[in-house]
Amino acid sequence: MSSTDFAQAQQRLAVRRQAREREAQAQLAAHREASRAWSQVTRLPFPFDRLGSTSLSTWELISSREGTKPIFRVGQVDAELLDEDLVQQLRDQVGEALKYVGTNLRDDWAAEILLTLRAILFKLTVWDHDATYGAALQNLKYTDARRRGPVLAPPSKWQKSLYGLVTVAGKYGWEKWENWLIDQDNGYDEPSPWVKRLSSLTTRITTVHSTAAFVSFLVFLLHGRYRTILDRVLRMRLAPPTSQVSREVSFEYLNRQLVWHAFTEFLLFVLPLVGINRWRRWLSRTWRKTKELIHVGPEEHAGEKKGEFAFLPERTCAICYQDQNNAVSETEVLAAAASSGVVGSAQTDITNPYETMPCGCIYCFVCIATRLEREEGEGWTCLRCGELVKECKPWSGDVLEEQTKTSVPSTKHVGFVDVRDASTHSARNDEVEAENAEPDVSPHDSAYDSAEDTDSEIYEEEEDGVNDDFEE
């Protein structure tokens, strides 16, 4: 090392020493000023001393810049965004998987599905590893900010329990509460005063929470300690577990993402080959036969319809009603229609009616054709009578169809008889024709047949005379 380099290093050390001394002097001056302000505040009367001490404490908290580095502020915000994206992707994929089970299952149980996903993620991330999925990608973990020392302490179990209770059960309860308030205000009837008060209170609570979250986020940008209000209340902060982090970028999470996408695409390719609908039809048919064997009704109820929607009026399409309503039993339907007095609506009325064979129940053409095509020739269970349907035909309505009767073909007996037995043979032919003739044969036809038989007899007599002359 040359003398010039050594001199430059000494100069840099001197500059750093002077900077540290100036910083220490500034901190000492600020401490003296704060102590002077504290002494003046303590001399104030009773109501003002507490107010002044609270104000000074708040100012010191805001003005102090101790906390994590700015880079970790960005990491904490990115971790929250990654967690939200993960929940959204899982919810979408679960919804895509459930559409093969039921059409309305994804919408009817959306809150419960989200609750289950959040509970599973909380157990596998925060409870087991003290970090969410996004925080783990950013090399961050939750620590207990109440304990100070050279080693970061993990959060206690009660802290993690309260965190999971608020983030999982709290969000689910609040969402169900808002949905209940929306259902009470249907737009047709005036809500009760009690519901109006609850709605107003809910709106105020939401406004206060949004304002507090905004202020807390501004303080987080200044200090970098607590990302959300919940973290601030529970004294849980995200911090890097170690400062010795490799600068090499890891693409392990990208590999997992690619594997997951390949697995989902493989499932989407295999599921149509497995035939979920076929297995579901087999299970439903087995269950129906089992119920029929267990519950054997009396003979007087043998002709009664046993379908799921047998109580619906004839003008209502049971398939349309099933797709648009959640109520299944007759009691639920009548309770839902108690206000209007009408079961069904204009949207569930039958359009282009077709009747099933052999039960004769009436449905919309599009509805019944879609269901029969979906069953792939194995038969569909009628929603009104419970019979197995494999084909349908247009509904005839009030038109009376003429039934054609099968007529017995009339036969003619031709033979050679003697002249002496002509009268006897003619009477016998009349009896045979009377037995084989149709009920609606006109007298003209009977006369024509009789004349034809007489001509055949005359022809026979003439032929006999010619034969006798030839023999002589």
Protein backbone atom coordinates (compact mmCIF):
# COMPACT_ATOMS: atom_id res chain seq x y z
CA MET A 1 0.00 0.00 0.00
CA SER A 2 1.50 3.32 -1.06
CA SER A 3 1.72 6.39 1.13
CA THR A 4 -0.79 8.24 -1.07
CA ASP A 5 -3.47 5.56 -0.62
CA PHE A 6 -2.81 5.45 3.11
CA ALA A 7 -3.27 9.21 3.38
CA GLN A 8 -6.55 9.07 1.48
CA ALA A 9 -7.83 6.31 3.75
CA GLN A 10 -6.93 8.38 6.80
CA GLN A 11 -8.84 11.32 5.36
CA ARG A 12 -11.93 9.20 4.77
CA LEU A 13 -11.81 7.90 8.32
CA ALA A 14 -11.51 11.44 9.64
CA VAL A 15 -14.54 12.56 7.61
CA ARG A 16 -16.61 9.67 8.93
CA ARG A 17 -15.51 10.42 12.50
CA GLN A 18 -16.54 14.05 12.13
CA ALA A 19 -19.94 13.03 10.69
CA ARG A 20 -20.57 10.73 13.65
CA GLU A 21 -19.60 13.47 16.08
CA ARG A 22 -21.98 15.94 14.43
CA GLU A 23 -24.79 13.37 14.55
CA ALA A 24 -24.13 12.72 18.23
CA GLN A 25 -24.16 16.43 18.99
CA ALA A 26 -27.44 16.84 17.11
CA GLN A 27 -29.00 13.99 19.08
CA LEU A 28 -27.75 15.49 22.34
CA ALA A 29 -29.21 18.87 21.45
CA ALA A 30 -32.52 17.30 20.51
CA HIS A 31 -32.56 15.38 23.76
CA ARG A 32 -31.88 18.54 25.76
CA GLU A 33 -34.60 20.41 23.90
CA ALA A 34 -37.01 17.57 24.48
CA SER A 35 -36.15 17.44 28.17
CA ARG A 36 -36.66 21.19 28.39
CA ALA A 37 -40.03 20.83 26.67
CA TRP A 38 -40.96 17.97 28.97
CA SER A 39 -40.04 20.04 32.02
CA GLN A 40 -42.19 22.90 30.81
CA VAL A 41 -45.11 20.60 30.06
CA THR A 42 -44.98 19.01 33.48
CA ARG A 43 -45.37 22.44 35.08
CA LEU A 44 -48.72 23.00 33.39
CA PRO A 45 -52.04 22.51 35.25
CA PHE A 46 -53.75 19.16 35.49
CA PRO A 47 -55.76 18.93 32.26
CA PHE A 48 -52.97 20.41 30.13
CA ASP A 49 -50.01 18.41 31.42
CA ARG A 50 -51.43 15.11 30.22
CA LEU A 51 -52.46 16.61 26.91
CA GLY A 52 -48.98 18.08 26.42
CA SER A 53 -47.21 14.86 27.36
CA THR A 54 -49.38 12.90 24.92
CA SER A 55 -48.63 15.39 22.15
CA LEU A 56 -44.89 15.22 22.79
CA SER A 57 -44.93 11.43 22.79
CA THR A 58 -46.78 11.39 19.48
CA TRP A 59 -44.33 13.90 17.98
CA GLU A 60 -41.31 11.87 19.09
CA LEU A 61 -42.87 8.75 17.62
CA ILE A 62 -43.48 10.45 14.29
CA SER A 63 -40.17 12.32 14.09
CA SER A 64 -38.00 9.32 14.98
CA ARG A 65 -36.69 7.52 11.89
CA GLU A 66 -35.70 4.26 13.53
CA GLY A 67 -37.01 1.20 11.75
CA THR A 68 -36.33 -0.97 8.79
CA LYS A 69 -34.59 0.23 5.69
CA PRO A 70 -36.59 1.69 2.77
CA ILE A 71 -35.92 -1.40 0.67
CA PHE A 72 -37.87 -3.51 3.15
CA ARG A 73 -40.83 -1.14 2.95
CA VAL A 74 -41.10 -2.07 -0.70
CA GLY A 75 -40.68 -5.74 0.16
CA GLN A 76 -43.50 -5.63 2.73
CA VAL A 77 -45.92 -4.00 0.28
CA ASP A 78 -44.97 -6.50 -2.43
CA ALA A 79 -45.54 -9.35 0.02
CA GLU A 80 -49.10 -8.17 0.67
CA LEU A 81 -49.80 -7.92 -3.06
CA LEU A 82 -48.41 -11.41 -3.64
CA ASP A 83 -50.64 -12.83 -0.90
CA GLU A 84 -53.75 -11.27 -2.43
CA ASP A 85 -52.83 -12.56 -5.90
CA LEU A 86 -52.31 -16.06 -4.51
CA VAL A 87 -55.75 -16.10 -2.87
CA GLN A 88 -57.35 -14.81 -6.06
CA GLN A 89 -55.68 -17.48 -8.21
CA LEU A 90 -56.68 -20.27 -5.85
CA ARG A 91 -60.27 -19.03 -5.73
CA ASP A 92 -60.49 -18.89 -9.53
CA GLN A 93 -59.08 -22.39 -9.93
CA VAL A 94 -61.41 -23.83 -7.29
CA GLY A 95 -64.32 -22.16 -9.07
CA GLU A 96 -63.26 -23.69 -12.39
CA ALA A 97 -63.10 -27.11 -10.74
CA LEU A 98 -66.51 -26.78 -9.07
CA LYS A 99 -68.35 -25.86 -12.26
CA TYR A 100 -68.39 -29.56 -13.18
CA VAL A 101 -70.17 -30.37 -9.91
CA GLY A 102 -72.87 -27.67 -9.95
CA THR A 103 -73.63 -24.53 -11.91
CA ASN A 104 -74.53 -22.36 -8.90
CA LEU A 105 -72.21 -23.94 -6.35
CA ARG A 106 -69.38 -21.47 -6.96
CA ASP A 107 -71.63 -18.42 -6.48
CA ASP A 108 -73.70 -19.76 -3.60
CA TRP A 109 -70.70 -20.83 -1.50
CA ALA A 110 -68.18 -18.16 -2.54
CA ALA A 111 -67.69 -16.83 1.02
CA GLU A 112 -67.24 -20.32 2.47
CA ILE A 113 -64.74 -21.27 -0.24
CA LEU A 114 -62.72 -18.12 0.47
CA LEU A 115 -62.85 -18.87 4.21
CA THR A 116 -61.48 -22.37 3.63
CA LEU A 117 -58.66 -21.14 1.40
CA ARG A 118 -57.60 -18.44 3.85
CA ALA A 119 -57.68 -20.87 6.77
CA ILE A 120 -55.49 -23.38 4.91
CA LEU A 121 -53.02 -20.69 3.85
CA PHE A 122 -52.83 -19.29 7.39
CA LYS A 123 -52.10 -22.72 8.84
CA LEU A 124 -49.41 -23.54 6.28
CA THR A 125 -47.71 -20.12 6.32
CA VAL A 126 -48.08 -17.88 9.38
CA TRP A 127 -48.84 -20.55 11.96
CA ASP A 128 -46.14 -23.01 10.83
CA HIS A 129 -43.42 -20.73 9.43
CA ASP A 130 -44.13 -17.22 10.88
CA ALA A 131 -44.39 -15.77 7.36
CA THR A 132 -46.92 -15.54 4.59
CA TYR A 133 -46.22 -16.82 1.09
CA GLY A 134 -45.39 -13.36 -0.23
CA ALA A 135 -43.25 -12.50 2.80
CA ALA A 136 -41.24 -15.71 2.37
CA LEU A 137 -40.52 -14.75 -1.23
CA GLN A 138 -39.28 -11.35 -0.02
CA ASN A 139 -37.10 -12.95 2.71
CA LEU A 140 -39.27 -11.53 5.51
CA LYS A 141 -40.71 -13.05 8.66
CA TYR A 142 -43.04 -11.88 11.41
CA THR A 143 -41.27 -10.93 14.64
CA ASP A 144 -42.44 -9.82 18.07
CA ALA A 145 -41.69 -6.10 18.28
CA ARG A 146 -42.20 -6.07 22.06
CA ARG A 147 -38.95 -7.94 22.60
CA ARG A 148 -35.81 -6.01 21.83
CA GLY A 149 -32.43 -7.56 21.46
CA PRO A 150 -29.78 -8.64 19.00
CA VAL A 151 -31.84 -11.72 18.07
CA LEU A 152 -35.30 -11.36 16.54
CA ALA A 153 -37.98 -13.16 18.56
CA PRO A 154 -40.82 -14.97 16.75
CA PRO A 155 -44.40 -13.94 17.57
CA SER A 156 -46.17 -15.76 20.34
CA LYS A 157 -49.05 -18.17 19.79
CA TRP A 158 -51.69 -15.77 21.06
CA GLN A 159 -50.45 -13.13 18.62
CA LYS A 160 -50.70 -15.56 15.72
CA SER A 161 -54.08 -16.78 16.95
CA LEU A 162 -55.50 -13.25 17.05
CA TYR A 163 -53.96 -12.56 13.65
CA GLY A 164 -55.66 -15.60 12.14
CA LEU A 165 -58.94 -14.85 13.90
CA VAL A 166 -59.10 -11.37 12.39
CA THR A 167 -57.74 -12.13 8.91
CA VAL A 168 -59.71 -15.35 8.38
CA ALA A 169 -62.85 -15.41 10.53
CA GLY A 170 -63.16 -11.62 10.78
CA LYS A 171 -63.19 -11.06 7.03
CA TYR A 172 -65.68 -13.89 6.55
CA GLY A 173 -68.02 -12.54 9.23
CA TRP A 174 -67.87 -8.99 7.85
CA GLU A 175 -68.60 -10.20 4.32
CA LYS A 176 -71.59 -12.23 5.49
CA TRP A 177 -72.83 -9.22 7.47
CA GLU A 178 -72.69 -6.95 4.42
CA ASN A 179 -74.47 -9.57 2.30
CA TRP A 180 -77.21 -9.82 4.91
CA LEU A 181 -77.72 -6.06 4.86
CA ILE A 182 -77.91 -6.12 1.06
CA ASP A 183 -80.51 -8.89 1.17
CA GLN A 184 -82.63 -6.89 3.61
CA ASP A 185 -82.67 -3.93 1.21
CA ASN A 186 -84.15 -5.67 -1.85
CA GLY A 187 -85.27 -2.47 -3.59
CA TYR A 188 -88.99 -3.30 -3.53
CA ASP A 189 -89.97 -2.96 0.13
CA GLU A 190 -88.97 -0.22 2.52
CA PRO A 191 -86.41 -1.58 5.02
CA SER A 192 -87.20 -1.38 8.69
CA PRO A 193 -85.75 1.43 10.84
CA TRP A 194 -83.56 -1.08 12.66
CA VAL A 195 -82.00 -2.22 9.37
CA LYS A 196 -81.43 1.41 8.36
CA ARG A 197 -79.58 2.08 11.61
CA LEU A 198 -77.42 -0.99 11.16
CA SER A 199 -76.60 0.01 7.59
CA SER A 200 -75.67 3.53 8.68
CA LEU A 201 -73.50 2.17 11.50
CA THR A 202 -71.78 -0.24 9.11
CA THR A 203 -71.03 2.58 6.69
CA ARG A 204 -69.52 4.69 9.46
CA ILE A 205 -67.37 1.83 10.70
CA THR A 206 -66.12 1.21 7.17
CA THR A 207 -65.27 4.90 6.73
CA VAL A 208 -63.41 5.06 10.05
CA HIS A 209 -61.46 1.90 9.24
CA SER A 210 -60.47 3.20 5.81
CA THR A 211 -59.27 6.50 7.29
CA ALA A 212 -57.30 4.74 10.02
CA ALA A 213 -55.75 2.38 7.48
CA PHE A 214 -54.68 5.32 5.34
CA VAL A 215 -53.06 7.11 8.30
CA SER A 216 -51.36 3.89 9.40
CA PHE A 217 -49.97 3.37 5.91
CA LEU A 218 -48.54 6.90 5.87
CA VAL A 219 -46.83 6.23 9.20
CA PHE A 220 -45.54 2.95 7.77
CA LEU A 221 -43.99 4.79 4.83
CA LEU A 222 -42.25 7.08 7.31
CA HIS A 223 -41.01 4.47 9.78
CA GLY A 224 -41.25 1.12 8.02
CA ARG A 225 -42.31 -0.73 11.17
CA TYR A 226 -45.93 -1.89 10.88
CA ARG A 227 -47.56 -2.44 7.52
CA THR A 228 -51.23 -2.61 8.60
CA ILE A 229 -53.37 -1.59 11.55
CA LEU A 230 -53.56 -5.20 12.72
CA ASP A 231 -49.77 -5.50 12.77
CA ARG A 232 -49.57 -2.26 14.74
CA VAL A 233 -52.13 -3.41 17.32
CA LEU A 234 -50.61 -6.87 17.77
CA ARG A 235 -47.03 -5.48 17.71
CA MET A 236 -46.02 -7.80 14.88
CA ARG A 237 -43.60 -6.52 12.27
CA LEU A 238 -42.00 -7.99 9.19
CA ALA A 239 -38.21 -8.08 9.26
CA PRO A 240 -35.50 -10.05 7.46
CA PRO A 241 -34.38 -13.06 9.52
CA THR A 242 -30.75 -12.49 8.54
CA SER A 243 -28.78 -9.73 6.90
CA GLN A 244 -26.57 -12.19 5.02
CA VAL A 245 -28.69 -12.69 1.93
CA SER A 246 -27.34 -14.05 -1.32
CA ARG A 247 -27.44 -11.61 -4.21
CA GLU A 248 -28.21 -14.42 -6.62
CA VAL A 249 -31.79 -14.39 -7.87
CA SER A 250 -33.64 -17.66 -7.23
CA PHE A 251 -36.24 -18.86 -9.73
CA GLU A 252 -37.53 -21.67 -7.54
CA TYR A 253 -40.96 -20.08 -7.14
CA LEU A 254 -41.19 -19.72 -10.93
CA ASN A 255 -40.45 -23.42 -11.29
CA ARG A 256 -43.20 -24.25 -8.80
CA GLN A 257 -45.58 -21.98 -10.69
CA LEU A 258 -44.79 -23.71 -13.97
CA VAL A 259 -45.26 -27.13 -12.40
CA TRP A 260 -48.60 -26.06 -10.92
CA HIS A 261 -49.83 -24.73 -14.27
CA ALA A 262 -48.73 -27.91 -16.03
CA PHE A 263 -50.56 -29.99 -13.42
CA THR A 264 -53.79 -27.99 -13.77
CA GLU A 265 -53.66 -28.21 -17.56
CA PHE A 266 -53.16 -31.97 -17.26
CA LEU A 267 -56.22 -32.21 -15.01
CA LEU A 268 -58.29 -30.17 -17.45
CA PHE A 269 -57.23 -32.59 -20.18
CA VAL A 270 -57.93 -35.75 -18.15
CA LEU A 271 -61.26 -34.79 -16.55
CA PRO A 272 -63.30 -34.99 -19.79
CA LEU A 273 -61.81 -38.42 -20.46
CA VAL A 274 -62.69 -39.67 -17.00
CA GLY A 275 -66.33 -38.62 -17.50
CA ILE A 276 -67.40 -36.88 -14.32
CA ASN A 277 -70.98 -36.55 -15.54
CA ARG A 278 -71.16 -40.27 -16.19
CA TRP A 279 -69.98 -41.11 -12.70
CA ARG A 280 -72.35 -38.56 -11.22
CA ARG A 281 -75.27 -40.05 -13.16
CA TRP A 282 -74.33 -43.51 -11.99
CA LEU A 283 -74.17 -42.39 -8.37
CA SER A 284 -77.47 -40.52 -8.60
CA ARG A 285 -79.16 -43.50 -10.24
CA THR A 286 -77.80 -45.84 -7.55
CA TRP A 287 -78.95 -43.48 -4.82
CA ARG A 288 -82.40 -43.22 -6.36
CA LYS A 289 -82.79 -46.98 -6.57
CA THR A 290 -81.60 -47.33 -2.98
CA LYS A 291 -84.19 -44.82 -1.80
CA GLU A 292 -86.90 -46.63 -3.73
CA LEU A 293 -85.95 -49.90 -2.07
CA ILE A 294 -85.84 -48.40 1.41
CA HIS A 295 -88.91 -46.16 1.24
CA VAL A 296 -91.74 -48.30 -0.12
CA GLY A 297 -94.95 -46.27 -0.14
CA PRO A 298 -98.54 -47.59 0.25
CA GLU A 299 -100.60 -48.66 -2.71
CA GLU A 300 -102.85 -45.62 -2.68
CA HIS A 301 -99.85 -43.41 -3.42
CA ALA A 302 -98.67 -45.54 -6.32
CA GLY A 303 -99.94 -43.11 -8.95
CA GLU A 304 -98.66 -39.99 -7.16
CA LYS A 305 -95.73 -38.10 -8.70
CA LYS A 306 -92.52 -38.47 -6.71
CA GLY A 307 -90.31 -35.99 -8.55
CA GLU A 308 -88.25 -33.30 -6.90
CA PHE A 309 -90.40 -30.49 -8.36
CA ALA A 310 -93.75 -32.28 -8.63
CA PHE A 311 -95.47 -29.43 -6.76
CA LEU A 312 -94.74 -26.81 -9.45
CA PRO A 313 -97.61 -25.65 -11.67
CA GLU A 314 -97.84 -26.99 -15.20
CA ARG A 315 -96.93 -23.68 -16.81
CA THR A 316 -93.54 -23.59 -15.01
CA CYS A 317 -90.52 -25.37 -16.48
CA ALA A 318 -88.94 -27.37 -13.66
CA ILE A 319 -85.49 -27.18 -15.26
CA CYS A 320 -85.61 -23.37 -15.57
CA TYR A 321 -86.84 -23.14 -11.99
CA GLN A 322 -84.03 -25.37 -10.73
CA ASP A 323 -81.38 -23.28 -12.51
CA GLN A 324 -82.68 -19.92 -11.22
CA ASN A 325 -83.72 -20.75 -7.65
CA ASN A 326 -81.98 -22.11 -4.58
CA ALA A 327 -85.12 -23.41 -2.87
CA VAL A 328 -85.60 -27.13 -3.41
CA SER A 329 -88.32 -28.41 -1.11
CA GLU A 330 -91.99 -27.53 -1.40
CA THR A 331 -91.92 -25.77 1.98
CA GLU A 332 -89.09 -23.46 0.93
CA VAL A 333 -90.79 -22.60 -2.36
CA LEU A 334 -94.11 -21.80 -0.72
CA ALA A 335 -92.36 -19.70 1.93
CA ALA A 336 -90.49 -17.77 -0.76
CA ALA A 337 -93.70 -17.19 -2.72
CA ALA A 338 -95.80 -16.24 0.33
CA SER A 339 -95.51 -12.53 -0.41
CA SER A 340 -96.54 -12.73 -4.06
CA GLY A 341 -98.77 -15.80 -3.96
CA VAL A 342 -97.33 -17.11 -7.23
CA VAL A 343 -94.82 -19.92 -7.63
CA GLY A 344 -92.37 -19.20 -10.44
CA SER A 345 -92.07 -16.17 -12.69
CA ALA A 346 -92.18 -15.15 -16.33
CA GLN A 347 -88.56 -16.25 -16.70
CA THR A 348 -89.46 -19.83 -15.69
CA ASP A 349 -92.53 -20.23 -17.92
CA ILE A 350 -92.36 -22.94 -20.56
CA THR A 351 -91.23 -21.83 -24.02
CA ASN A 352 -91.73 -24.11 -27.05
CA PRO A 353 -93.19 -26.96 -24.97
CA TYR A 354 -92.02 -30.53 -25.45
CA GLU A 355 -93.27 -33.54 -23.51
CA THR A 356 -91.10 -36.34 -22.24
CA MET A 357 -91.68 -39.94 -23.13
CA PRO A 358 -93.16 -42.02 -21.57
CA CYS A 359 -94.23 -39.90 -18.56
CA GLY A 360 -95.60 -36.96 -20.60
CA CYS A 361 -94.26 -34.12 -18.40
CA ILE A 362 -93.83 -30.78 -20.18
CA TYR A 363 -90.55 -28.80 -20.40
CA CYS A 364 -88.93 -26.20 -22.62
CA PHE A 365 -87.41 -27.68 -25.76
CA VAL A 366 -83.96 -26.20 -25.13
CA CYS A 367 -83.95 -27.36 -21.50
CA ILE A 368 -85.04 -30.94 -22.09
CA ALA A 369 -82.90 -31.33 -25.21
CA THR A 370 -79.82 -30.09 -23.34
CA ARG A 371 -80.40 -32.48 -20.44
CA LEU A 372 -80.99 -35.48 -22.67
CA GLU A 373 -77.90 -34.68 -24.74
CA ARG A 374 -75.83 -34.32 -21.58
CA GLU A 375 -76.87 -37.78 -20.38
CA GLU A 376 -75.49 -39.34 -23.60
CA GLY A 377 -78.36 -41.79 -24.08
CA GLU A 378 -78.31 -43.22 -20.54
CA GLY A 379 -81.53 -41.51 -19.54
CA TRP A 380 -82.42 -38.47 -17.45
CA THR A 381 -84.49 -38.47 -14.26
CA CYS A 382 -87.64 -36.38 -14.67
CA LEU A 383 -87.89 -33.60 -12.10
CA ARG A 384 -91.68 -33.87 -11.89
CA CYS A 385 -92.41 -37.60 -11.73
CA GLY A 386 -89.00 -39.17 -11.15
CA GLU A 387 -89.17 -41.52 -14.14
CA LEU A 388 -86.28 -42.24 -16.46
CA VAL A 389 -86.61 -40.26 -19.71
CA LYS A 390 -84.64 -40.98 -22.88
CA GLU A 391 -86.61 -39.13 -25.58
CA CYS A 392 -89.14 -36.38 -26.06
CA LYS A 393 -91.66 -35.15 -28.63
CA PRO A 394 -93.55 -31.92 -29.35
CA TRP A 395 -96.46 -31.27 -27.03
CA SER A 396 -99.78 -31.65 -28.81
CA GLY A 397 -101.64 -29.39 -26.38
CA ASP A 398 -105.44 -29.40 -26.74
CA VAL A 399 -105.39 -30.84 -30.27
CA LEU A 400 -107.15 -34.21 -30.49
CA GLU A 401 -105.28 -36.63 -32.69
CA GLU A 402 -107.33 -39.06 -34.82
CA GLN A 403 -106.44 -42.63 -34.07
CA THR A 404 -106.40 -44.83 -37.17
CA LYS A 405 -107.76 -48.35 -36.71
CA THR A 406 -106.09 -51.29 -38.39
CA SER A 407 -108.56 -52.92 -40.82
CA VAL A 408 -108.69 -56.65 -41.43
CA PRO A 409 -108.09 -57.32 -45.16
CA SER A 410 -111.03 -58.95 -46.88
CA THR A 411 -110.20 -62.24 -48.60
CA LYS A 412 -111.96 -63.77 -51.54
CA HIS A 413 -112.50 -67.50 -51.79
CA VAL A 414 -112.73 -68.84 -55.35
CA GLY A 415 -113.60 -72.50 -55.95
CA PHE A 416 -115.34 -74.88 -58.33
CA VAL A 417 -118.72 -76.16 -57.06
CA ASP A 418 -121.64 -78.04 -58.53
CA VAL A 419 -124.72 -76.25 -59.84
CA ARG A 420 -126.87 -78.07 -57.36
CA ASP A 421 -124.89 -76.63 -54.48
CA ALA A 422 -124.82 -73.10 -55.94
CA SER A 423 -127.42 -71.77 -53.58
CA THR A 424 -125.74 -73.38 -50.57
CA HIS A 425 -122.30 -72.07 -51.62
CA SER A 426 -123.70 -68.57 -52.17
CA ALA A 427 -125.18 -68.50 -48.66
CA ARG A 428 -121.88 -69.73 -47.18
CA ASN A 429 -119.95 -66.99 -49.00
CA ASP A 430 -122.37 -64.38 -47.69
CA GLU A 431 -121.71 -65.55 -44.12
CA VAL A 432 -117.91 -65.48 -44.60
CA GLU A 433 -118.05 -61.98 -46.09
CA ALA A 434 -120.25 -60.79 -43.24
CA GLU A 435 -117.68 -62.02 -40.70
CA ASN A 436 -114.58 -60.60 -42.46
CA ALA A 437 -116.04 -57.34 -43.73
CA GLU A 438 -115.11 -53.98 -42.05
CA PRO A 439 -117.72 -52.18 -39.95
CA ASP A 440 -117.67 -49.11 -42.22
CA VAL A 441 -118.03 -50.96 -45.57
CA SER A 442 -120.75 -49.33 -47.66
CA PRO A 443 -123.72 -51.27 -49.10
CA HIS A 444 -122.48 -50.49 -52.58
CA ASP A 445 -119.27 -52.44 -51.94
CA SER A 446 -121.23 -55.43 -50.57
CA ALA A 447 -123.46 -55.48 -53.64
CA TYR A 448 -120.40 -55.30 -55.86
CA ASP A 449 -118.80 -58.30 -54.11
CA SER A 450 -122.05 -60.31 -54.35
CA ALA A 451 -122.35 -59.60 -58.06
CA GLU A 452 -118.75 -60.65 -58.57
CA ASP A 453 -119.37 -63.98 -56.78
CA THR A 454 -122.47 -64.60 -58.95
CA ASP A 455 -120.46 -63.95 -62.10
CA SER A 456 -117.80 -66.43 -60.96
CA GLU A 457 -120.48 -69.11 -60.42
CA ILE A 458 -122.00 -68.49 -63.87
CA TYR A 459 -118.50 -68.76 -65.34
CA GLU A 460 -118.05 -72.08 -63.57
CA GLU A 461 -121.39 -73.43 -64.93
CA GLU A 462 -120.56 -72.38 -68.49
CA GLU A 463 -117.14 -73.99 -68.22
CA ASP A 464 -118.73 -77.25 -67.05
CA GLY A 465 -121.10 -77.22 -70.05
CA VAL A 466 -118.25 -76.71 -72.48
CA ASN A 467 -116.34 -79.61 -70.97
CA ASP A 468 -119.38 -81.90 -71.31
CA ASP A 469 -119.82 -81.03 -75.02
CA PHE A 470 -116.12 -81.66 -75.64
CA GLU A 471 -116.36 -85.12 -74.04
CA GLU A 472 -119.37 -86.09 -76.16
